[in-house]
Amino acid sequence: MNEDLRQVLDILDELQEDGAVSKNIKQKVLGIKKDLTSCSGDEISLRVNKTLSELEDISGDVNLPMFVRTQIWQLTSILEKLS
């Protein structure tokens, strides 16, 4: 697993453990993490694109705290390097 993907997974872990993040966002984050960890090297590009789409949906949530939105944007930036 490359360093960028490891960094993405670390940020996803932080979001899951954060008490200020709503339950539905945590469920989406868990799904994203499962998708990224279960893929082989050949399908990583597909999983990254799917993840980017899901993160875009999450970042559009009006009830999302600003610091969480910033973490989502950071994830997006890292993932765009992988795609």
Protein backbone atom coordinates (compact mmCIF):
# COMPACT_ATOMS: atom_id res chain seq x y z
CA MET A 1 0.00 0.00 0.00
CA ASN A 2 1.49 3.34 -0.96
CA GLU A 3 1.99 6.26 1.41
CA ASP A 4 -0.84 8.41 -0.03
CA LEU A 5 -3.38 5.63 0.43
CA ARG A 6 -2.15 5.03 3.97
CA GLN A 7 -2.59 8.75 4.70
CA VAL A 8 -6.15 8.62 3.33
CA LEU A 9 -6.97 5.66 5.58
CA ASP A 10 -5.52 7.49 8.61
CA ILE A 11 -7.72 10.53 7.95
CA LEU A 12 -10.75 8.27 7.50
CA ASP A 13 -9.95 6.70 10.88
CA GLU A 14 -9.80 10.16 12.46
CA LEU A 15 -13.22 11.00 11.02
CA GLN A 16 -14.69 7.76 12.34
CA GLU A 17 -13.37 8.38 15.84
CA ASP A 18 -14.44 12.05 15.97
CA GLY A 19 -17.43 12.62 18.24
CA ALA A 20 -18.54 15.70 16.28
CA VAL A 21 -19.11 13.71 13.08
CA SER A 22 -22.68 12.52 12.60
CA LYS A 23 -23.55 8.84 12.50
CA ASN A 24 -24.58 8.84 8.83
CA ILE A 25 -21.25 10.41 7.82
CA LYS A 26 -19.39 7.82 9.91
CA GLN A 27 -21.27 5.05 8.09
CA LYS A 28 -20.29 6.51 4.72
CA VAL A 29 -16.68 6.84 5.87
CA LEU A 30 -16.68 3.20 6.99
CA GLY A 31 -17.97 2.15 3.56
CA ILE A 32 -15.29 4.19 1.82
CA LYS A 33 -12.60 2.67 4.00
CA LYS A 34 -13.82 -0.87 3.28
CA ASP A 35 -13.84 -0.15 -0.46
CA LEU A 36 -10.30 1.20 -0.44
CA THR A 37 -8.85 -1.59 1.69
CA SER A 38 -10.53 -4.43 -0.20
CA CYS A 39 -9.30 -3.52 -3.67
CA SER A 40 -6.32 -4.97 -5.47
CA GLY A 41 -3.74 -2.86 -7.30
CA ASP A 42 -5.55 -3.18 -10.62
CA GLU A 43 -8.84 -1.75 -9.39
CA ILE A 44 -7.45 1.06 -7.25
CA SER A 45 -8.22 3.68 -9.91
CA LEU A 46 -11.87 2.63 -10.03
CA ARG A 47 -12.16 2.65 -6.24
CA VAL A 48 -10.50 6.05 -6.00
CA ASN A 49 -12.95 7.54 -8.52
CA LYS A 50 -15.90 6.03 -6.64
CA THR A 51 -14.50 7.39 -3.38
CA LEU A 52 -14.06 10.86 -4.88
CA SER A 53 -17.71 10.85 -5.91
CA GLU A 54 -18.83 9.78 -2.43
CA LEU A 55 -16.64 12.41 -0.77
CA GLU A 56 -18.16 15.07 -3.01
CA ASP A 57 -21.62 14.02 -1.82
CA ILE A 58 -20.50 14.13 1.81
CA SER A 59 -18.89 17.56 1.47
CA GLY A 60 -22.16 18.96 0.12
CA ASP A 61 -23.98 18.20 3.39
CA VAL A 62 -25.04 21.55 4.88
CA ASN A 63 -24.87 20.18 8.43
CA LEU A 64 -21.24 19.12 8.08
CA PRO A 65 -18.89 20.93 10.49
CA MET A 66 -16.34 23.11 8.72
CA PHE A 67 -13.29 21.25 10.09
CA VAL A 68 -14.75 17.97 8.80
CA ARG A 69 -15.36 19.55 5.41
CA THR A 70 -11.71 20.64 5.38
CA GLN A 71 -10.60 17.06 6.09
CA ILE A 72 -12.85 15.85 3.26
CA TRP A 73 -11.19 18.34 0.89
CA GLN A 74 -7.78 17.15 2.06
CA LEU A 75 -8.81 13.56 1.30
CA THR A 76 -10.03 14.62 -2.12
CA SER A 77 -6.72 16.30 -2.88
CA ILE A 78 -4.71 13.22 -1.90
CA LEU A 79 -6.99 10.86 -3.82
CA GLU A 80 -6.82 12.97 -6.98
CA LYS A 81 -3.07 12.29 -7.04
CA LEU A 82 -3.83 8.56 -7.04
CA SER A 83 -6.38 8.58 -9.87
